[in-house]
């Protein structure tokens, strides 16, 4: 294995961006043995740099109102998000992470006799929650280049279709569908079906053909866009997500929600994040820089991977990934789970340079290049 030094990773990153994020600390999974080395968690597409300093300060300050319900803060956050998207506050639905937003979509728009269409593989939350509503889940394979097959998904829609789910960029492949293709897709889907576009990873995308569909909600009233503060903002543990939708669909989703599911601390942190437009650019520079460095090392080895526009990467290991997961854990690294539709592809979250370097070294020890080929 050619050495991959910490310096070679760091040189691809902006020193200014590194300095801006210096106050944040890495979040490692706790170990059951207090004396053991902390596990490097590269499993769940979390941001290892954590919340910004302003978000941490906002969370700390929120302790002074911890005894109060978060109604007023919820209203402020809805207003701030609406302003961010040039929308109206009544079009914003808050959730305890974007996973709750997806559950609200299922609860509002599915039920017995209805169906949901999604790619295979993709983020499974919509398909999982659909079972509770007794709706039918229909999955369609990705294209040969690992993207959503929008043509097949549109063709599969019928009068029973309640939801169509598009994760863009897609989890776990990290691939995107172009804005023009997605716009054409929205024109083809029946207006009776709600199209949910999950943009959890949109901040990481650098491909110019990509674009958010938040500006298309007025044109397509059956469009719901899901966003989260878990990824670029580093607050996966604090749980804050939201949907942007038409007023009618937002009301239908809120009717299925519990009261006050979002805590006051994360609401204040969310406001702080929205006031810092440089933060997403700084985080993107750090994590995309580490991803590119890893890709260069994989290219040098001749390893196959899926070009990604996210903070994770799928690598072909040449065999089923299942036995590799505990093998990496034995080396102190937690990697992504097995995806049944792509059993030979290992998903790894992009960590800090030293964490990504540790993964690369472990990969070379566990999956020699010839075995991967």
Protein backbone atom coordinates (compact mmCIF):
# COMPACT_ATOMS: atom_id res chain seq x y z
CA UNK A 1 0.00 0.00 0.00
CA UNK A 2 1.36 3.44 -0.86
CA UNK A 3 1.46 5.64 2.25
CA UNK A 4 -1.24 8.24 2.57
CA UNK A 5 0.01 10.85 4.97
CA UNK A 6 -2.08 13.21 7.00
CA UNK A 7 -0.27 16.04 5.20
CA UNK A 8 -1.41 14.79 1.76
CA UNK A 9 -5.01 14.98 2.92
CA UNK A 10 -4.60 18.36 4.55
CA UNK A 11 -3.00 20.00 1.53
CA UNK A 12 -6.26 19.65 -0.41
CA UNK A 13 -8.11 21.63 2.20
CA UNK A 14 -8.33 25.36 2.73
CA UNK A 15 -6.30 26.49 5.71
CA UNK A 16 -8.73 29.35 6.19
CA UNK A 17 -11.63 26.94 6.32
CA UNK A 18 -9.80 24.74 8.81
CA UNK A 19 -9.16 27.73 11.05
CA UNK A 20 -12.80 28.80 10.90
CA UNK A 21 -13.93 25.39 12.13
CA UNK A 22 -11.24 25.03 14.78
CA UNK A 23 -13.54 25.56 17.79
CA UNK A 24 -15.63 22.50 16.91
CA UNK A 25 -14.54 19.11 18.24
CA UNK A 26 -14.88 15.66 16.70
CA UNK A 27 -17.76 13.54 17.94
CA UNK A 28 -16.65 9.92 18.32
CA UNK A 29 -18.84 7.04 19.38
CA UNK A 30 -18.42 6.27 23.09
CA UNK A 31 -16.63 3.05 23.96
CA UNK A 32 -17.88 0.60 26.56
CA UNK A 33 -14.32 0.46 27.87
CA UNK A 34 -13.32 3.85 29.29
CA UNK A 35 -9.65 3.02 28.64
CA UNK A 36 -10.17 1.91 25.03
CA UNK A 37 -9.38 4.06 22.05
CA UNK A 38 -12.54 5.84 20.82
CA UNK A 39 -14.16 4.26 17.78
CA UNK A 40 -13.84 6.26 14.57
CA UNK A 41 -17.44 6.54 13.42
CA UNK A 42 -17.63 6.62 9.62
CA UNK A 43 -21.00 4.92 9.46
CA UNK A 44 -23.96 7.29 9.49
CA UNK A 45 -22.93 10.23 7.29
CA UNK A 46 -22.50 12.52 10.27
CA UNK A 47 -20.37 15.66 10.19
CA UNK A 48 -17.31 15.06 12.39
CA UNK A 49 -16.73 18.78 12.91
CA UNK A 50 -19.98 19.16 14.82
CA UNK A 51 -21.99 22.35 15.34
CA UNK A 52 -20.45 25.75 14.78
CA UNK A 53 -19.38 27.93 17.69
CA UNK A 54 -22.42 30.17 17.24
CA UNK A 55 -24.75 27.15 17.30
CA UNK A 56 -23.12 25.81 20.46
CA UNK A 57 -23.42 29.20 22.13
CA UNK A 58 -27.08 29.44 21.12
CA UNK A 59 -27.78 26.01 22.60
CA UNK A 60 -26.10 26.99 25.86
CA UNK A 61 -28.05 30.24 26.07
CA UNK A 62 -31.30 28.32 25.53
CA UNK A 63 -30.96 26.85 29.02
CA UNK A 64 -32.42 30.07 30.39
CA UNK A 65 -35.78 29.28 28.73
CA UNK A 66 -35.67 25.49 29.14
CA UNK A 67 -38.74 25.63 31.36
CA UNK A 68 -40.87 27.10 28.57
CA UNK A 69 -42.51 25.39 25.62
CA UNK A 70 -40.82 26.22 22.30
CA UNK A 71 -43.84 27.76 20.54
CA UNK A 72 -42.32 31.21 20.06
CA UNK A 73 -38.98 29.76 18.92
CA UNK A 74 -40.77 27.50 16.44
CA UNK A 75 -42.47 30.54 14.95
CA UNK A 76 -39.14 32.39 14.65
CA UNK A 77 -37.49 29.43 12.97
CA UNK A 78 -40.35 28.97 10.50
CA UNK A 79 -40.13 32.65 9.63
CA UNK A 80 -36.34 32.47 9.19
CA UNK A 81 -36.55 29.37 6.99
CA UNK A 82 -39.35 30.90 4.94
CA UNK A 83 -37.26 34.03 4.39
CA UNK A 84 -34.30 31.84 3.42
CA UNK A 85 -36.40 30.27 0.65
CA UNK A 86 -38.47 33.34 -0.29
CA UNK A 87 -41.56 31.48 0.92
CA UNK A 88 -44.26 31.98 3.55
CA UNK A 89 -44.04 30.66 7.13
CA UNK A 90 -47.22 28.61 6.66
CA UNK A 91 -45.36 26.63 3.98
CA UNK A 92 -42.76 25.41 6.49
CA UNK A 93 -43.23 22.24 8.56
CA UNK A 94 -40.69 21.61 11.31
CA UNK A 95 -39.67 18.15 12.40
CA UNK A 96 -37.50 16.29 14.87
CA UNK A 97 -34.97 15.73 12.11
CA UNK A 98 -35.96 15.28 8.48
CA UNK A 99 -36.86 11.67 9.29
CA UNK A 100 -39.92 12.96 11.12
CA UNK A 101 -40.74 15.15 8.12
CA UNK A 102 -40.72 12.02 5.94
CA UNK A 103 -42.95 10.21 8.43
CA UNK A 104 -45.41 13.11 8.30
CA UNK A 105 -45.50 12.79 4.51
CA UNK A 106 -46.41 9.12 4.80
CA UNK A 107 -49.05 9.82 7.44
CA UNK A 108 -50.61 12.64 5.45
CA UNK A 109 -50.57 11.21 1.93
CA UNK A 110 -50.58 7.40 2.24
CA UNK A 111 -52.92 4.75 3.57
CA UNK A 112 -54.53 1.43 2.60
CA UNK A 113 -54.92 1.18 -1.15
CA UNK A 114 -52.18 3.77 -1.79
CA UNK A 115 -48.58 3.22 -2.85
CA UNK A 116 -45.18 4.86 -2.56
CA UNK A 117 -42.54 4.67 -5.30
CA UNK A 118 -38.83 4.89 -4.50
CA UNK A 119 -35.44 3.86 -5.86
CA UNK A 120 -33.50 0.78 -4.77
CA UNK A 121 -31.31 1.45 -2.90
CA UNK A 122 -32.15 4.77 -1.30
CA UNK A 123 -32.81 6.16 2.18
CA UNK A 124 -35.43 3.79 3.55
CA UNK A 125 -37.43 6.00 5.94
CA UNK A 126 -40.37 6.65 3.60
CA UNK A 127 -40.67 2.95 2.74
CA UNK A 128 -40.35 2.01 6.41
CA UNK A 129 -43.04 4.39 7.66
CA UNK A 130 -45.33 3.41 4.75
CA UNK A 131 -45.79 0.01 6.36
CA UNK A 132 -47.49 1.66 9.34
CA UNK A 133 -50.02 3.30 7.02
CA UNK A 134 -50.56 -0.08 5.28
CA UNK A 135 -49.55 1.42 1.97
CA UNK A 136 -47.69 -0.58 -0.67
CA UNK A 137 -44.03 0.11 -1.32
CA UNK A 138 -42.76 -0.14 -4.88
CA UNK A 139 -39.00 0.08 -5.50
CA UNK A 140 -37.26 0.44 -8.85
CA UNK A 141 -33.55 -0.23 -9.56
CA UNK A 142 -31.11 2.56 -10.21
CA UNK A 143 -29.70 3.23 -13.66
CA UNK A 144 -26.38 1.58 -14.65
CA UNK A 145 -24.57 4.72 -13.44
CA UNK A 146 -26.30 4.42 -10.04
CA UNK A 147 -28.79 7.27 -10.44
CA UNK A 148 -32.57 7.42 -10.00
CA UNK A 149 -34.34 6.03 -13.06
CA UNK A 150 -36.78 8.93 -13.27
CA UNK A 151 -38.33 7.69 -16.51
CA UNK A 152 -39.21 4.32 -14.96
CA UNK A 153 -40.46 5.97 -11.77
CA UNK A 154 -42.78 8.30 -13.69
CA UNK A 155 -44.05 5.40 -15.78
CA UNK A 156 -44.81 3.40 -12.63
CA UNK A 157 -47.16 6.07 -11.28
CA UNK A 158 -50.88 5.39 -11.44
CA UNK A 159 -54.08 6.44 -9.69
CA UNK A 160 -53.00 4.57 -6.53
CA UNK A 161 -49.69 6.42 -6.18
CA UNK A 162 -49.71 8.60 -3.09
CA UNK A 163 -46.00 9.41 -2.80
CA UNK A 164 -42.95 9.38 -5.04
CA UNK A 165 -39.68 9.71 -3.15
CA UNK A 166 -36.49 11.10 -4.72
CA UNK A 167 -33.38 11.44 -2.57
CA UNK A 168 -31.16 13.96 -4.36
CA UNK A 169 -28.24 13.51 -3.80
CA UNK A 170 -29.05 9.87 -3.20
CA UNK A 171 -28.14 7.99 -0.07
CA UNK A 172 -26.25 5.60 -0.24
CA UNK A 173 -24.78 6.14 -3.73
CA UNK A 174 -23.96 9.86 -3.46
CA UNK A 175 -25.19 10.43 -7.02
CA UNK A 176 -27.43 13.23 -8.26
CA UNK A 177 -30.13 13.80 -10.85
CA UNK A 178 -29.90 17.02 -12.84
CA UNK A 179 -32.29 19.86 -12.19
CA UNK A 180 -33.62 19.81 -15.76
CA UNK A 181 -34.29 16.07 -15.55
CA UNK A 182 -36.04 16.46 -12.21
CA UNK A 183 -38.16 19.32 -13.54
CA UNK A 184 -39.24 17.20 -16.50
CA UNK A 185 -40.02 14.37 -14.08
CA UNK A 186 -42.28 16.66 -12.02
CA UNK A 187 -44.18 17.50 -15.19
CA UNK A 188 -44.76 13.80 -15.91
CA UNK A 189 -45.89 12.63 -12.46
CA UNK A 190 -49.68 12.76 -11.90
CA UNK A 191 -50.74 15.81 -9.93
CA UNK A 192 -52.57 13.49 -7.53
CA UNK A 193 -49.23 12.07 -6.35
CA UNK A 194 -47.02 13.95 -3.90
CA UNK A 195 -43.36 14.07 -4.95
CA UNK A 196 -41.02 14.26 -1.97
CA UNK A 197 -37.51 15.41 -2.86
CA UNK A 198 -35.10 14.80 0.02
CA UNK A 199 -32.26 17.32 -0.15
CA UNK A 200 -30.44 16.30 3.04
CA UNK A 201 -27.06 16.43 1.28
CA UNK A 202 -27.63 19.27 -1.18
CA UNK A 203 -25.08 21.60 0.50
CA UNK A 204 -22.22 19.29 -0.56
CA UNK A 205 -22.98 19.28 -4.30
CA UNK A 206 -20.54 21.00 -6.65
CA UNK A 207 -21.85 19.67 -9.97
CA UNK A 208 -23.25 22.64 -11.92
CA UNK A 209 -26.06 20.53 -13.45
CA UNK A 210 -27.57 20.07 -9.98
CA UNK A 211 -30.03 22.49 -8.47
CA UNK A 212 -32.41 22.58 -5.53
CA UNK A 213 -36.11 22.25 -6.32
CA UNK A 214 -37.15 24.58 -3.50
CA UNK A 215 -37.84 27.24 -6.13
CA UNK A 216 -40.30 24.95 -7.92
CA UNK A 217 -42.86 24.52 -5.12
CA UNK A 218 -45.11 27.28 -6.48
CA UNK A 219 -44.98 25.78 -9.98
CA UNK A 220 -45.64 22.22 -8.74
CA UNK A 221 -48.09 22.26 -5.79
CA UNK A 222 -47.62 18.48 -5.36
CA UNK A 223 -43.92 18.98 -4.54
CA UNK A 224 -42.59 18.66 -0.97
CA UNK A 225 -38.91 19.37 -0.26
CA UNK A 226 -37.26 17.92 2.85
CA UNK A 227 -34.16 19.48 4.44
CA UNK A 228 -32.14 18.78 7.57
CA UNK A 229 -29.66 20.46 9.91
CA UNK A 230 -27.98 17.08 10.57
CA UNK A 231 -25.42 17.07 7.78
CA UNK A 232 -23.68 20.28 6.75
CA UNK A 233 -24.58 21.96 10.07
CA UNK A 234 -23.32 19.02 12.15
CA UNK A 235 -26.37 18.64 14.41
CA UNK A 236 -27.47 15.05 13.77
CA UNK A 237 -27.83 14.44 17.49
CA UNK A 238 -29.92 17.55 18.12
CA UNK A 239 -32.63 16.63 15.55
CA UNK A 240 -33.97 19.47 13.42
CA UNK A 241 -35.45 19.15 9.95
CA UNK A 242 -38.11 20.85 7.91
CA UNK A 243 -40.28 20.62 4.83
CA UNK A 244 -41.12 23.29 2.29
CA UNK A 245 -44.49 22.65 0.64
CA UNK A 246 -47.64 24.29 -0.59
CA UNK A 247 -49.82 25.75 2.15
CA UNK A 248 -52.38 22.97 1.66
CA UNK A 249 -49.85 20.14 1.87
CA UNK A 250 -48.05 21.77 4.81
CA UNK A 251 -51.35 21.91 6.70
CA UNK A 252 -52.00 18.24 5.90
CA UNK A 253 -48.59 17.31 7.31
CA UNK A 254 -48.96 19.44 10.45
CA UNK A 255 -52.28 17.74 11.16
CA UNK A 256 -50.33 14.49 11.62
CA UNK A 257 -47.65 15.97 13.87
CA UNK A 258 -47.32 15.88 17.63
CA UNK A 259 -47.06 19.19 19.43
CA UNK A 260 -43.64 20.63 20.23
CA UNK A 261 -41.45 17.78 19.00
CA UNK A 262 -38.50 20.12 18.36
CA UNK A 263 -36.59 21.25 21.44
CA UNK A 264 -35.79 24.86 22.25
CA UNK A 265 -32.00 24.36 22.17
CA UNK A 266 -31.86 23.08 18.60
CA UNK A 267 -34.32 25.74 17.43
CA UNK A 268 -32.01 28.45 18.70
CA UNK A 269 -29.03 26.67 17.16
CA UNK A 270 -30.89 26.46 13.86
CA UNK A 271 -31.45 30.20 13.89
CA UNK A 272 -27.74 30.75 14.51
CA UNK A 273 -26.87 28.52 11.54
CA UNK A 274 -29.21 30.37 9.20
CA UNK A 275 -27.54 33.65 10.16
CA UNK A 276 -24.13 32.30 9.09
CA UNK A 277 -24.10 31.93 5.27
CA UNK A 278 -20.37 31.16 5.25
CA UNK A 279 -20.77 28.07 7.42
CA UNK A 280 -22.03 25.68 4.67
CA UNK A 281 -19.20 26.76 2.36
CA UNK A 282 -16.60 26.20 5.06
CA UNK A 283 -17.91 22.74 5.94
CA UNK A 284 -18.23 21.77 2.28
CA UNK A 285 -14.61 22.75 1.64
CA UNK A 286 -13.40 20.61 4.54
CA UNK A 287 -15.40 17.47 3.84
CA UNK A 288 -15.31 17.56 0.05
CA UNK A 289 -11.57 18.13 0.29
CA UNK A 290 -11.14 14.98 2.35
CA UNK A 291 -13.39 13.05 -0.06
CA UNK A 292 -11.35 14.14 -3.07
CA UNK A 293 -8.13 13.14 -1.32
CA UNK A 294 -9.55 9.69 -0.61
CA UNK A 295 -10.68 9.37 -4.23
CA UNK A 296 -7.18 10.23 -5.48
CA UNK A 297 -5.74 7.48 -3.30
CA UNK A 298 -8.35 4.99 -4.55
CA UNK A 299 -7.61 6.01 -8.14
CA UNK A 300 -3.93 5.36 -7.58
CA UNK A 301 -4.78 1.87 -6.33
CA UNK A 302 -7.13 1.25 -9.25
CA UNK A 303 -10.08 0.72 -6.95
CA UNK A 304 -13.61 1.21 -8.21
CA UNK A 305 -15.92 3.69 -6.45
CA UNK A 306 -19.02 5.72 -7.29
CA UNK A 307 -18.26 9.42 -7.85
CA UNK A 308 -20.05 11.18 -5.02
CA UNK A 309 -21.48 14.64 -4.41
CA UNK A 310 -21.92 14.04 -0.69
CA UNK A 311 -19.99 13.50 2.54
CA UNK A 312 -19.83 9.75 1.93
CA UNK A 313 -18.49 7.37 -0.70
CA UNK A 314 -19.35 3.86 -1.94
CA UNK A 315 -16.38 1.61 -2.72
CA UNK A 316 -16.51 -1.73 -4.54
CA UNK A 317 -14.73 -4.26 -2.32
CA UNK A 318 -15.16 -7.21 -4.71
CA UNK A 319 -17.20 -9.36 -2.30
CA UNK A 320 -20.05 -9.11 0.18
CA UNK A 321 -19.37 -6.32 2.69
CA UNK A 322 -21.02 -8.14 5.62
CA UNK A 323 -17.84 -9.73 7.06
CA UNK A 324 -15.92 -6.49 6.53
CA UNK A 325 -18.07 -4.52 8.95
CA UNK A 326 -16.86 -6.33 12.10
CA UNK A 327 -13.35 -6.50 10.63
CA UNK A 328 -13.21 -2.73 10.41
CA UNK A 329 -14.70 -2.48 13.91
CA UNK A 330 -11.86 -4.63 15.21
CA UNK A 331 -9.51 -1.97 13.84
CA UNK A 332 -11.46 0.78 15.62
CA UNK A 333 -13.48 1.99 12.62
CA UNK A 334 -17.25 1.84 12.24
CA UNK A 335 -18.30 1.75 8.58
CA UNK A 336 -21.68 1.78 6.85
CA UNK A 337 -24.18 -1.06 6.80
CA UNK A 338 -24.77 -3.56 4.00
CA UNK A 339 -27.26 -2.59 1.28
CA UNK A 340 -29.05 -5.63 -0.13
CA UNK A 341 -29.28 -4.19 -3.65
CA UNK A 342 -25.52 -3.45 -3.71
CA UNK A 343 -23.93 -6.07 -1.42
CA UNK A 344 -20.36 -5.57 -2.72
CA UNK A 345 -20.33 -1.81 -2.18
CA UNK A 346 -19.09 -0.43 1.12
CA UNK A 347 -20.37 3.00 2.16
CA UNK A 348 -17.95 5.07 4.20
CA UNK A 349 -18.62 8.49 5.68
CA UNK A 350 -15.98 11.15 5.07
CA UNK A 351 -14.35 12.07 8.35
CA UNK A 352 -11.56 14.40 9.32
CA UNK A 353 -8.30 13.88 7.37
CA UNK A 354 -6.76 11.66 10.04
CA UNK A 355 -9.95 9.58 10.29
CA UNK A 356 -10.17 9.14 6.53
CA UNK A 357 -6.48 8.21 6.47
CA UNK A 358 -7.12 5.53 9.12
CA UNK A 359 -9.93 4.09 7.02
CA UNK A 360 -7.73 4.02 3.90
CA UNK A 361 -4.97 2.14 5.71
CA UNK A 362 -7.45 -0.35 7.16
CA UNK A 363 -9.01 -0.87 3.73
CA UNK A 364 -5.60 -1.77 2.32
CA UNK A 365 -5.05 -4.32 5.08
CA UNK A 366 -8.52 -5.89 4.89
CA UNK A 367 -9.15 -5.69 1.12
CA UNK A 368 -5.91 -5.89 -0.88
CA UNK A 369 -6.15 -4.26 -4.29
CA UNK A 370 -6.15 -7.59 -6.16
CA UNK A 371 -9.05 -8.85 -4.05
CA UNK A 372 -11.03 -5.69 -4.71
CA UNK A 373 -10.39 -5.97 -8.45
